[in-house]
Amino acid sequence: MSNPAIHDPWYARQAETPLDPSILSLADDEANFFKSQTGISTDEELREHVVAVQRKAFTVWPYPCIRRFAFTKLKISRFPVYNELLKLGRERRGAILLDLGCCFGNDARKAVADGFPASQVIASDLRPEFWSLGHELFRDTPDSCSIRFVQGDVFSDTFINPHTAPSSISADPIAACVDSASLVPLQGRAAAIHTSAFFHLFNESQQLEVAKRCVALLSAEPGSIIFGSHSGAAVAGARPDRDTFAHSPESWKRMWSEEVFPHGGVAVEAELMSREMMRVEGGSSIETAVKDGRAYEGGWLVWVVRRI
């Protein structure tokens, strides 16, 4: 059943294309994680449970990552910077992790399962229906899950305001002080910001704006990081199938080092990887398409921006 609120032709086509539950494939660590989180003991029951939640989520908004069960792939733990994130949680007092564009909150829960303090994790999405379904997926509740979920539009100044000074709230209680509809109290305080399958939803200028808004939230302390992954390309340019932009590793690093941080102070790493290597979206290793005679070669851009 399609969502009647969908006016974008590309998403409308996604919504009308039937889901295929047969593409769900869980590696051993993925199955073990979901079993430990849900209390489900058998592969068959787990599969039925995941597929049932996927069907509901796809009616909220037909993201390809939901179609392809990307939320089962433990993406955050595949990043080279992951151990660095967990170390921040252990060693930096009051370190806050923000999962921006969290969907079900699966990556935030993985970080908590691996030791990042749950009371210091904030997860945010435009559509709160997704994290409600996350409670269903993980069989927890707002009371039993210590992660704080915050709804908001990344482009709204009431949600993130890059023009205001960092929050003066002390480090310890800041996660609890974040408003249910705003991340403004978090500005200048996040030790780590994770965002995956998010930047690629936007055009080039919008991606630059999102990057600047992320920086407004990031702590000035050396070692603070913004990291994640999204669809990218060997050569930067507009996507051949929709009105969005695909960065290459080179253009992505240039955006951060020249436009977001023109005065330096950060190190940027970015690599275009195959989708199989990241176990995301169940796609081929390298996508190839042609638009207006121009070849488009895409993969999965994995990156980190680190204050130095």
C-alpha atoms as a PDB file:
ATOM      1  CA  MET A   1       0.000   0.000   0.000  1.00  0.00           C
ATOM      2  CA  SER A   2       1.508   3.324  -1.053  1.00  0.00           C
ATOM      3  CA  ASN A   3       1.715   6.453   1.059  1.00  0.00           C
ATOM      4  CA  PRO A   4      -0.716   9.058  -0.363  1.00  0.00           C
ATOM      5  CA  ALA A   5       1.539  11.860   0.920  1.00  0.00           C
ATOM      6  CA  ILE A   6       4.281  10.908  -1.542  1.00  0.00           C
ATOM      7  CA  HIS A   7       4.478  13.443  -4.385  1.00  0.00           C
ATOM      8  CA  ASP A   8       8.059  12.792  -5.492  1.00  0.00           C
ATOM      9  CA  PRO A   9       7.807  10.555  -8.600  1.00  0.00           C
ATOM     10  CA  TRP A  10      10.942   8.634  -7.658  1.00  0.00           C
ATOM     11  CA  TYR A  11       9.617   7.729  -4.211  1.00  0.00           C
ATOM     12  CA  ALA A  12       6.183   7.048  -5.686  1.00  0.00           C
ATOM     13  CA  ARG A  13       7.752   4.412  -7.931  1.00  0.00           C
ATOM     14  CA  GLN A  14       9.539   2.935  -4.940  1.00  0.00           C
ATOM     15  CA  ALA A  15       6.268   2.746  -3.029  1.00  0.00           C
ATOM     16  CA  GLU A  16       4.508   0.933  -5.870  1.00  0.00           C
ATOM     17  CA  THR A  17       7.252  -1.676  -6.319  1.00  0.00           C
ATOM     18  CA  PRO A  18       6.456  -4.804  -4.247  1.00  0.00           C
ATOM     19  CA  LEU A  19       8.765  -5.733  -1.400  1.00  0.00           C
ATOM     20  CA  ASP A  20      10.751  -8.953  -1.670  1.00  0.00           C
ATOM     21  CA  PRO A  21      11.299 -10.606   1.735  1.00  0.00           C
ATOM     22  CA  SER A  22      13.578 -13.220   0.175  1.00  0.00           C
ATOM     23  CA  ILE A  23      16.444 -10.712  -0.011  1.00  0.00           C
ATOM     24  CA  LEU A  24      16.765 -10.617   3.783  1.00  0.00           C
ATOM     25  CA  SER A  25      20.100 -12.231   4.602  1.00  0.00           C
ATOM     26  CA  LEU A  26      21.621 -11.980   8.066  1.00  0.00           C
ATOM     27  CA  ALA A  27      25.256 -12.699   8.813  1.00  0.00           C
ATOM     28  CA  ASP A  28      25.921 -14.550  12.052  1.00  0.00           C
ATOM     29  CA  ASP A  29      26.848 -11.398  13.989  1.00  0.00           C
ATOM     30  CA  GLU A  30      23.719  -9.628  12.724  1.00  0.00           C
ATOM     31  CA  ALA A  31      21.420 -12.503  13.671  1.00  0.00           C
ATOM     32  CA  ASN A  32      23.082 -12.819  17.077  1.00  0.00           C
ATOM     33  CA  PHE A  33      22.688  -9.097  17.738  1.00  0.00           C
ATOM     34  CA  PHE A  34      18.982  -9.067  16.925  1.00  0.00           C
ATOM     35  CA  LYS A  35      18.369 -12.248  18.903  1.00  0.00           C
ATOM     36  CA  SER A  36      20.111 -10.801  21.948  1.00  0.00           C
ATOM     37  CA  GLN A  37      18.172  -7.545  21.654  1.00  0.00           C
ATOM     38  CA  THR A  38      14.735  -9.069  21.046  1.00  0.00           C
ATOM     39  CA  GLY A  39      14.842 -12.320  22.977  1.00  0.00           C
ATOM     40  CA  ILE A  40      13.926 -14.217  19.813  1.00  0.00           C
ATOM     41  CA  SER A  41      15.749 -17.533  19.692  1.00  0.00           C
ATOM     42  CA  THR A  42      15.068 -19.046  16.265  1.00  0.00           C
ATOM     43  CA  ASP A  43      16.124 -17.876  12.821  1.00  0.00           C
ATOM     44  CA  GLU A  44      12.636 -18.413  11.413  1.00  0.00           C
ATOM     45  CA  GLU A  45      10.879 -16.342  14.063  1.00  0.00           C
ATOM     46  CA  LEU A  46      13.491 -13.587  13.766  1.00  0.00           C
ATOM     47  CA  ARG A  47      13.046 -13.469  10.016  1.00  0.00           C
ATOM     48  CA  GLU A  48       9.261 -13.207  10.307  1.00  0.00           C
ATOM     49  CA  HIS A  49       9.613 -10.474  12.923  1.00  0.00           C
ATOM     50  CA  VAL A  50      12.038  -8.361  10.867  1.00  0.00           C
ATOM     51  CA  VAL A  51       9.950  -8.692   7.702  1.00  0.00           C
ATOM     52  CA  ALA A  52       6.765  -7.692   9.544  1.00  0.00           C
ATOM     53  CA  VAL A  53       8.367  -4.488  10.846  1.00  0.00           C
ATOM     54  CA  GLN A  54       9.898  -3.740   7.444  1.00  0.00           C
ATOM     55  CA  ARG A  55       6.456  -3.873   5.803  1.00  0.00           C
ATOM     56  CA  LYS A  56       5.046  -1.382   8.295  1.00  0.00           C
ATOM     57  CA  ALA A  57       8.038   0.939   7.959  1.00  0.00           C
ATOM     58  CA  PHE A  58       7.829   1.001   4.179  1.00  0.00           C
ATOM     59  CA  THR A  59       4.346   2.521   4.405  1.00  0.00           C
ATOM     60  CA  VAL A  60       5.756   5.364   6.530  1.00  0.00           C
ATOM     61  CA  TRP A  61       8.234   6.274   3.783  1.00  0.00           C
ATOM     62  CA  PRO A  62       9.599   4.004   1.021  1.00  0.00           C
ATOM     63  CA  TYR A  63      13.317   4.423   1.562  1.00  0.00           C
ATOM     64  CA  PRO A  64      15.413   1.911  -0.418  1.00  0.00           C
ATOM     65  CA  CYS A  65      17.385   1.127   2.748  1.00  0.00           C
ATOM     66  CA  ILE A  66      14.168  -0.192   4.295  1.00  0.00           C
ATOM     67  CA  ARG A  67      13.354  -2.199   1.179  1.00  0.00           C
ATOM     68  CA  ARG A  68      16.814  -3.784   1.265  1.00  0.00           C
ATOM     69  CA  PHE A  69      16.906  -4.432   5.020  1.00  0.00           C
ATOM     70  CA  ALA A  70      19.938  -2.161   5.442  1.00  0.00           C
ATOM     71  CA  PHE A  71      18.829  -1.574   9.031  1.00  0.00           C
ATOM     72  CA  THR A  72      19.926  -5.130   9.872  1.00  0.00           C
ATOM     73  CA  LYS A  73      23.526  -4.682   8.720  1.00  0.00           C
ATOM     74  CA  LEU A  74      25.125  -3.152  11.838  1.00  0.00           C
ATOM     75  CA  LYS A  75      26.676  -0.477   9.605  1.00  0.00           C
ATOM     76  CA  ILE A  76      28.071   1.636  12.405  1.00  0.00           C
ATOM     77  CA  SER A  77      30.218  -1.244  13.649  1.00  0.00           C
ATOM     78  CA  ARG A  78      31.743  -1.779  10.179  1.00  0.00           C
ATOM     79  CA  PHE A  79      33.431   1.626  10.108  1.00  0.00           C
ATOM     80  CA  PRO A  80      37.193   1.867  10.762  1.00  0.00           C
ATOM     81  CA  VAL A  81      36.454   4.655  13.264  1.00  0.00           C
ATOM     82  CA  TYR A  82      34.080   2.514  15.367  1.00  0.00           C
ATOM     83  CA  ASN A  83      36.585   1.571  18.064  1.00  0.00           C
ATOM     84  CA  GLU A  84      37.521   5.239  18.327  1.00  0.00           C
ATOM     85  CA  LEU A  85      33.850   6.022  18.967  1.00  0.00           C
ATOM     86  CA  LEU A  86      33.619   3.426  21.726  1.00  0.00           C
ATOM     87  CA  LYS A  87      36.821   4.798  23.274  1.00  0.00           C
ATOM     88  CA  LEU A  88      35.245   8.269  23.382  1.00  0.00           C
ATOM     89  CA  GLY A  89      32.323   6.769  25.269  1.00  0.00           C
ATOM     90  CA  ARG A  90      34.663   5.148  27.784  1.00  0.00           C
ATOM     91  CA  GLU A  91      37.217   7.890  28.291  1.00  0.00           C
ATOM     92  CA  ARG A  92      35.673  11.311  27.637  1.00  0.00           C
ATOM     93  CA  ARG A  93      33.547  12.520  30.504  1.00  0.00           C
ATOM     94  CA  GLY A  94      29.932  13.015  29.438  1.00  0.00           C
ATOM     95  CA  ALA A  95      30.695  12.195  25.789  1.00  0.00           C
ATOM     96  CA  ILE A  96      27.525  12.491  23.719  1.00  0.00           C
ATOM     97  CA  LEU A  97      26.819  10.401  20.622  1.00  0.00           C
ATOM     98  CA  LEU A  98      24.212  11.791  18.231  1.00  0.00           C
ATOM     99  CA  ASP A  99      22.740   9.428  15.630  1.00  0.00           C
ATOM    100  CA  LEU A 100      21.315  11.829  13.038  1.00  0.00           C
ATOM    101  CA  GLY A 101      18.751  10.326  10.664  1.00  0.00           C
ATOM    102  CA  CYS A 102      18.457   7.336  12.976  1.00  0.00           C
ATOM    103  CA  CYS A 103      15.406   5.608  11.454  1.00  0.00           C
ATOM    104  CA  PHE A 104      14.744   2.686  13.864  1.00  0.00           C
ATOM    105  CA  GLY A 105      17.691   3.576  16.093  1.00  0.00           C
ATOM    106  CA  ASN A 106      19.464   0.366  15.159  1.00  0.00           C
ATOM    107  CA  ASP A 107      22.952   1.890  14.955  1.00  0.00           C
ATOM    108  CA  ALA A 108      22.495   3.725  18.250  1.00  0.00           C
ATOM    109  CA  ARG A 109      21.436   0.483  19.913  1.00  0.00           C
ATOM    110  CA  LYS A 110      24.463  -1.324  18.473  1.00  0.00           C
ATOM    111  CA  ALA A 111      26.809   1.292  19.950  1.00  0.00           C
ATOM    112  CA  VAL A 112      25.090   0.947  23.325  1.00  0.00           C
ATOM    113  CA  ALA A 113      25.322  -2.851  23.157  1.00  0.00           C
ATOM    114  CA  ASP A 114      29.063  -2.479  22.586  1.00  0.00           C
ATOM    115  CA  GLY A 115      29.566  -0.205  25.564  1.00  0.00           C
ATOM    116  CA  PHE A 116      28.703   3.419  24.726  1.00  0.00           C
ATOM    117  CA  PRO A 117      26.677   4.719  27.713  1.00  0.00           C
ATOM    118  CA  ALA A 118      22.991   4.644  26.760  1.00  0.00           C
ATOM    119  CA  SER A 119      22.225   7.757  28.806  1.00  0.00           C
ATOM    120  CA  GLN A 120      24.685   9.674  26.598  1.00  0.00           C
ATOM    121  CA  VAL A 121      23.132   8.674  23.271  1.00  0.00           C
ATOM    122  CA  ILE A 122      20.648  10.833  21.368  1.00  0.00           C
ATOM    123  CA  ALA A 123      18.942   9.612  18.204  1.00  0.00           C
ATOM    124  CA  SER A 124      17.026  11.861  15.848  1.00  0.00           C
ATOM    125  CA  ASP A 125      14.833  11.516  12.781  1.00  0.00           C
ATOM    126  CA  LEU A 126      12.321  13.576  10.837  1.00  0.00           C
ATOM    127  CA  ARG A 127       9.685  10.851  11.193  1.00  0.00           C
ATOM    128  CA  PRO A 128       9.073   9.616  14.761  1.00  0.00           C
ATOM    129  CA  GLU A 129       7.027   6.719  13.381  1.00  0.00           C
ATOM    130  CA  PHE A 130      10.340   5.062  12.567  1.00  0.00           C
ATOM    131  CA  TRP A 131      11.640   4.958  16.115  1.00  0.00           C
ATOM    132  CA  SER A 132       8.206   3.814  17.322  1.00  0.00           C
ATOM    133  CA  LEU A 133       8.672   0.907  14.934  1.00  0.00           C
ATOM    134  CA  GLY A 134      12.186   0.600  16.328  1.00  0.00           C
ATOM    135  CA  HIS A 135      10.666  -0.163  19.719  1.00  0.00           C
ATOM    136  CA  GLU A 136       8.598  -2.851  18.017  1.00  0.00           C
ATOM    137  CA  LEU A 137      11.635  -4.181  16.152  1.00  0.00           C
ATOM    138  CA  PHE A 138      13.785  -4.406  19.285  1.00  0.00           C
ATOM    139  CA  ARG A 139      10.923  -5.296  21.616  1.00  0.00           C
ATOM    140  CA  ASP A 140      11.650  -2.483  24.012  1.00  0.00           C
ATOM    141  CA  THR A 141       9.703   0.600  25.114  1.00  0.00           C
ATOM    142  CA  PRO A 142      10.430   4.297  25.662  1.00  0.00           C
ATOM    143  CA  ASP A 143      10.774   3.444  29.359  1.00  0.00           C
ATOM    144  CA  SER A 144      13.062   0.440  28.953  1.00  0.00           C
ATOM    145  CA  CYS A 145      15.246   2.012  26.235  1.00  0.00           C
ATOM    146  CA  SER A 146      17.529   4.693  27.700  1.00  0.00           C
ATOM    147  CA  ILE A 147      18.373   6.241  24.322  1.00  0.00           C
ATOM    148  CA  ARG A 148      16.755   9.659  23.944  1.00  0.00           C
ATOM    149  CA  PHE A 149      14.863  10.154  20.670  1.00  0.00           C
ATOM    150  CA  VAL A 150      14.324  13.658  19.292  1.00  0.00           C
ATOM    151  CA  GLN A 151      12.149  14.537  16.291  1.00  0.00           C
ATOM    152  CA  GLY A 152      13.094  17.377  13.982  1.00  0.00           C
ATOM    153  CA  ASP A 153      13.959  18.771  10.568  1.00  0.00           C
ATOM    154  CA  VAL A 154      17.690  19.269  10.099  1.00  0.00           C
ATOM    155  CA  PHE A 155      17.030  22.404   8.010  1.00  0.00           C
ATOM    156  CA  SER A 156      14.959  24.101  10.727  1.00  0.00           C
ATOM    157  CA  ASP A 157      16.697  26.738  12.852  1.00  0.00           C
ATOM    158  CA  THR A 158      14.485  25.784  15.785  1.00  0.00           C
ATOM    159  CA  PHE A 159      15.971  22.288  15.604  1.00  0.00           C
ATOM    160  CA  ILE A 160      19.620  23.142  14.859  1.00  0.00           C
ATOM    161  CA  ASN A 161      20.659  26.783  14.736  1.00  0.00           C
ATOM    162  CA  PRO A 162      24.166  27.287  13.329  1.00  0.00           C
ATOM    163  CA  HIS A 163      23.913  31.010  14.081  1.00  0.00           C
ATOM    164  CA  THR A 164      23.750  30.665  17.875  1.00  0.00           C
ATOM    165  CA  ALA A 165      26.561  30.167  20.371  1.00  0.00           C
ATOM    166  CA  PRO A 166      27.257  26.707  21.818  1.00  0.00           C
ATOM    167  CA  SER A 167      25.144  25.618  24.757  1.00  0.00           C
ATOM    168  CA  SER A 168      26.349  26.606  28.222  1.00  0.00           C
ATOM    169  CA  ILE A 169      24.855  23.479  29.810  1.00  0.00           C
ATOM    170  CA  SER A 170      27.449  21.432  31.693  1.00  0.00           C
ATOM    171  CA  ALA A 171      28.535  18.153  30.122  1.00  0.00           C
ATOM    172  CA  ASP A 172      26.964  15.686  32.550  1.00  0.00           C
ATOM    173  CA  PRO A 173      23.217  16.353  32.186  1.00  0.00           C
ATOM    174  CA  ILE A 174      23.137  17.542  28.601  1.00  0.00           C
ATOM    175  CA  ALA A 175      21.506  14.449  27.071  1.00  0.00           C
ATOM    176  CA  ALA A 176      18.621  14.739  29.506  1.00  0.00           C
ATOM    177  CA  CYS A 177      18.313  18.477  28.846  1.00  0.00           C
ATOM    178  CA  VAL A 178      17.891  18.136  25.080  1.00  0.00           C
ATOM    179  CA  ASP A 179      14.369  19.215  24.221  1.00  0.00           C
ATOM    180  CA  SER A 180      11.991  16.703  22.642  1.00  0.00           C
ATOM    181  CA  ALA A 181      11.801  18.905  19.544  1.00  0.00           C
ATOM    182  CA  SER A 182      15.213  20.600  19.412  1.00  0.00           C
ATOM    183  CA  LEU A 183      18.920  19.828  19.428  1.00  0.00           C
ATOM    184  CA  VAL A 184      19.879  23.433  20.208  1.00  0.00           C
ATOM    185  CA  PRO A 185      20.943  22.547  23.803  1.00  0.00           C
ATOM    186  CA  LEU A 186      23.399  20.079  22.262  1.00  0.00           C
ATOM    187  CA  GLN A 187      25.178  22.676  20.133  1.00  0.00           C
ATOM    188  CA  GLY A 188      28.931  22.547  20.599  1.00  0.00           C
ATOM    189  CA  ARG A 189      28.633  19.499  22.862  1.00  0.00           C
ATOM    190  CA  ALA A 190      28.493  16.327  20.734  1.00  0.00           C
ATOM    191  CA  ALA A 191      31.651  14.236  20.960  1.00  0.00           C
ATOM    192  CA  ALA A 192      30.521  12.136  18.003  1.00  0.00           C
ATOM    193  CA  ILE A 193      27.875  12.502  15.319  1.00  0.00           C
ATOM    194  CA  HIS A 194      26.964   9.482  13.229  1.00  0.00           C
ATOM    195  CA  THR A 195      24.854   9.876  10.107  1.00  0.00           C
ATOM    196  CA  SER A 196      24.397   7.187   7.469  1.00  0.00           C
ATOM    197  CA  ALA A 197      22.141   6.927   4.412  1.00  0.00           C
ATOM    198  CA  PHE A 198      21.279  10.586   5.042  1.00  0.00           C
ATOM    199  CA  PHE A 199      23.420  13.049   3.088  1.00  0.00           C
ATOM    200  CA  HIS A 200      22.587  11.309  -0.198  1.00  0.00           C
ATOM    201  CA  LEU A 201      18.935  12.349   0.184  1.00  0.00           C
ATOM    202  CA  PHE A 202      19.853  15.921  -0.774  1.00  0.00           C
ATOM    203  CA  ASN A 203      21.307  18.018  -3.570  1.00  0.00           C
ATOM    204  CA  GLU A 204      24.799  19.497  -3.429  1.00  0.00           C
ATOM    205  CA  SER A 205      23.947  22.784  -1.726  1.00  0.00           C
ATOM    206  CA  GLN A 206      21.703  21.063   0.799  1.00  0.00           C
ATOM    207  CA  GLN A 207      24.476  18.621   1.701  1.00  0.00           C
ATOM    208  CA  LEU A 208      26.786  21.546   2.422  1.00  0.00           C
ATOM    209  CA  GLU A 209      24.113  23.071   4.658  1.00  0.00           C
ATOM    210  CA  VAL A 210      23.640  19.790   6.544  1.00  0.00           C
ATOM    211  CA  ALA A 211      27.406  19.572   7.063  1.00  0.00           C
ATOM    212  CA  LYS A 212      27.508  23.084   8.544  1.00  0.00           C
ATOM    213  CA  ARG A 213      24.624  22.249  10.862  1.00  0.00           C
ATOM    214  CA  CYS A 214      26.413  19.130  12.048  1.00  0.00           C
ATOM    215  CA  VAL A 215      29.443  21.259  12.875  1.00  0.00           C
ATOM    216  CA  ALA A 216      27.233  23.520  15.006  1.00  0.00           C
ATOM    217  CA  LEU A 217      26.566  20.501  17.223  1.00  0.00           C
ATOM    218  CA  LEU A 218      30.126  19.174  17.361  1.00  0.00           C
ATOM    219  CA  SER A 219      32.386  19.733  20.346  1.00  0.00           C
ATOM    220  CA  ALA A 220      35.487  21.853  19.706  1.00  0.00           C
ATOM    221  CA  GLU A 221      37.584  19.339  21.646  1.00  0.00           C
ATOM    222  CA  PRO A 222      40.231  17.544  19.554  1.00  0.00           C
ATOM    223  CA  GLY A 223      39.197  14.008  18.702  1.00  0.00           C
ATOM    224  CA  SER A 224      35.536  14.888  18.245  1.00  0.00           C
ATOM    225  CA  ILE A 225      34.187  13.208  15.121  1.00  0.00           C
ATOM    226  CA  ILE A 226      31.460  13.329  12.507  1.00  0.00           C
ATOM    227  CA  PHE A 227      31.280  10.073  10.589  1.00  0.00           C
ATOM    228  CA  GLY A 228      29.068   7.827   8.531  1.00  0.00           C
ATOM    229  CA  SER A 229      28.335   6.541   5.073  1.00  0.00           C
ATOM    230  CA  HIS A 230      26.034   7.114   2.152  1.00  0.00           C
ATOM    231  CA  SER A 231      25.736   6.521  -1.569  1.00  0.00           C
ATOM    232  CA  GLY A 232      28.629   8.067  -3.482  1.00  0.00           C
ATOM    233  CA  ALA A 233      30.268   8.011  -6.890  1.00  0.00           C
ATOM    234  CA  ALA A 234      33.668   7.619  -8.495  1.00  0.00           C
ATOM    235  CA  VAL A 235      33.105  11.006 -10.160  1.00  0.00           C
ATOM    236  CA  ALA A 236      31.007  13.591  -8.314  1.00  0.00           C
ATOM    237  CA  GLY A 237      27.797  14.707  -9.964  1.00  0.00           C
ATOM    238  CA  ALA A 238      24.019  14.664 -10.024  1.00  0.00           C
ATOM    239  CA  ARG A 239      22.450  11.239  -9.629  1.00  0.00           C
ATOM    240  CA  PRO A 240      21.173   9.879 -12.959  1.00  0.00           C
ATOM    241  CA  ASP A 241      17.847   8.770 -11.521  1.00  0.00           C
ATOM    242  CA  ARG A 242      16.765  11.646  -9.266  1.00  0.00           C
ATOM    243  CA  ASP A 243      17.382  15.215  -8.108  1.00  0.00           C
ATOM    244  CA  THR A 244      20.161  14.460  -5.637  1.00  0.00           C
ATOM    245  CA  PHE A 245      23.943  14.694  -5.678  1.00  0.00           C
ATOM    246  CA  ALA A 246      26.583  11.972  -5.336  1.00  0.00           C
ATOM    247  CA  HIS A 247      29.933  13.055  -3.947  1.00  0.00           C
ATOM    248  CA  SER A 248      33.189  11.344  -4.813  1.00  0.00           C
ATOM    249  CA  PRO A 249      35.784  10.842  -2.075  1.00  0.00           C
ATOM    250  CA  GLU A 250      37.712  13.819  -3.476  1.00  0.00           C
ATOM    251  CA  SER A 251      34.748  16.198  -3.660  1.00  0.00           C
ATOM    252  CA  TRP A 252      33.558  15.113  -0.218  1.00  0.00           C
ATOM    253  CA  LYS A 253      36.921  15.852   1.378  1.00  0.00           C
ATOM    254  CA  ARG A 254      37.095  19.150  -0.479  1.00  0.00           C
ATOM    255  CA  MET A 255      33.643  20.203   0.764  1.00  0.00           C
ATOM    256  CA  TRP A 256      34.619  19.682   4.390  1.00  0.00           C
ATOM    257  CA  SER A 257      38.166  21.055   4.240  1.00  0.00           C
ATOM    258  CA  GLU A 258      37.508  24.071   1.993  1.00  0.00           C
ATOM    259  CA  GLU A 259      33.872  25.062   2.568  1.00  0.00           C
ATOM    260  CA  VAL A 260      32.896  23.790   6.012  1.00  0.00           C
ATOM    261  CA  PHE A 261      36.290  24.251   7.721  1.00  0.00           C
ATOM    262  CA  PRO A 262      38.087  26.827   5.529  1.00  0.00           C
ATOM    263  CA  HIS A 263      40.531  27.630   8.329  1.00  0.00           C
ATOM    264  CA  GLY A 264      41.559  24.043   8.956  1.00  0.00           C
ATOM    265  CA  GLY A 265      41.494  22.203  12.237  1.00  0.00           C
ATOM    266  CA  VAL A 266      40.144  18.917  10.902  1.00  0.00           C
ATOM    267  CA  ALA A 267      41.323  15.809   9.104  1.00  0.00           C
ATOM    268  CA  VAL A 268      38.930  14.266   6.589  1.00  0.00           C
ATOM    269  CA  GLU A 269      39.004  10.677   5.381  1.00  0.00           C
ATOM    270  CA  ALA A 270      36.718   9.256   2.686  1.00  0.00           C
ATOM    271  CA  GLU A 271      36.706   6.068   0.661  1.00  0.00           C
ATOM    272  CA  LEU A 272      34.322   4.688  -1.952  1.00  0.00           C
ATOM    273  CA  MET A 273      33.648   1.087  -1.006  1.00  0.00           C
ATOM    274  CA  SER A 274      31.594  -1.708  -2.493  1.00  0.00           C
ATOM    275  CA  ARG A 275      28.182  -2.289  -1.002  1.00  0.00           C
ATOM    276  CA  GLU A 276      29.056  -5.896  -0.208  1.00  0.00           C
ATOM    277  CA  MET A 277      32.075  -4.762   1.808  1.00  0.00           C
ATOM    278  CA  MET A 278      29.810  -2.639   3.985  1.00  0.00           C
ATOM    279  CA  ARG A 279      26.942  -5.179   3.839  1.00  0.00           C
ATOM    280  CA  VAL A 280      24.512  -2.396   3.020  1.00  0.00           C
ATOM    281  CA  GLU A 281      21.444  -2.365   0.815  1.00  0.00           C
ATOM    282  CA  GLY A 282      22.123  -5.743  -0.742  1.00  0.00           C
ATOM    283  CA  GLY A 283      23.337  -4.083  -3.924  1.00  0.00           C
ATOM    284  CA  SER A 284      26.038  -4.917  -6.405  1.00  0.00           C
ATOM    285  CA  SER A 285      29.581  -3.856  -5.660  1.00  0.00           C
ATOM    286  CA  ILE A 286      29.591  -1.036  -8.180  1.00  0.00           C
ATOM    287  CA  GLU A 287      26.480   0.454  -9.739  1.00  0.00           C
ATOM    288  CA  THR A 288      26.722   1.769 -13.288  1.00  0.00           C
ATOM    289  CA  ALA A 289      24.164   3.952 -15.024  1.00  0.00           C
ATOM    290  CA  VAL A 290      24.140   6.479 -17.841  1.00  0.00           C
ATOM    291  CA  LYS A 291      22.430   9.858 -17.945  1.00  0.00           C
ATOM    292  CA  ASP A 292      22.737  12.242 -20.893  1.00  0.00           C
ATOM    293  CA  GLY A 293      25.600  10.148 -22.206  1.00  0.00           C
ATOM    294  CA  ARG A 294      27.575  10.424 -18.968  1.00  0.00           C
ATOM    295  CA  ALA A 295      28.568   7.259 -17.149  1.00  0.00           C
ATOM    296  CA  TYR A 296      27.786   7.162 -13.431  1.00  0.00           C
ATOM    297  CA  GLU A 297      29.695   4.709 -11.275  1.00  0.00           C
ATOM    298  CA  GLY A 298      28.567   4.531  -7.690  1.00  0.00           C
ATOM    299  CA  GLY A 299      29.314   2.725  -4.473  1.00  0.00           C
ATOM    300  CA  TRP A 300      29.180   3.463  -0.758  1.00  0.00           C
ATOM    301  CA  LEU A 301      31.082   6.494   0.555  1.00  0.00           C
ATOM    302  CA  VAL A 302      32.541   5.803   4.010  1.00  0.00           C
ATOM    303  CA  TRP A 303      33.995   8.816   5.776  1.00  0.00           C
ATOM    304  CA  VAL A 304      35.062  10.549   8.979  1.00  0.00           C
ATOM    305  CA  VAL A 305      35.734  14.192   9.858  1.00  0.00           C
ATOM    306  CA  ARG A 306      37.952  14.498  12.919  1.00  0.00           C
ATOM    307  CA  ARG A 307      38.927  17.595  14.911  1.00  0.00           C
ATOM    308  CA  ILE A 308      42.684  17.809  15.395  1.00  0.00           C
END
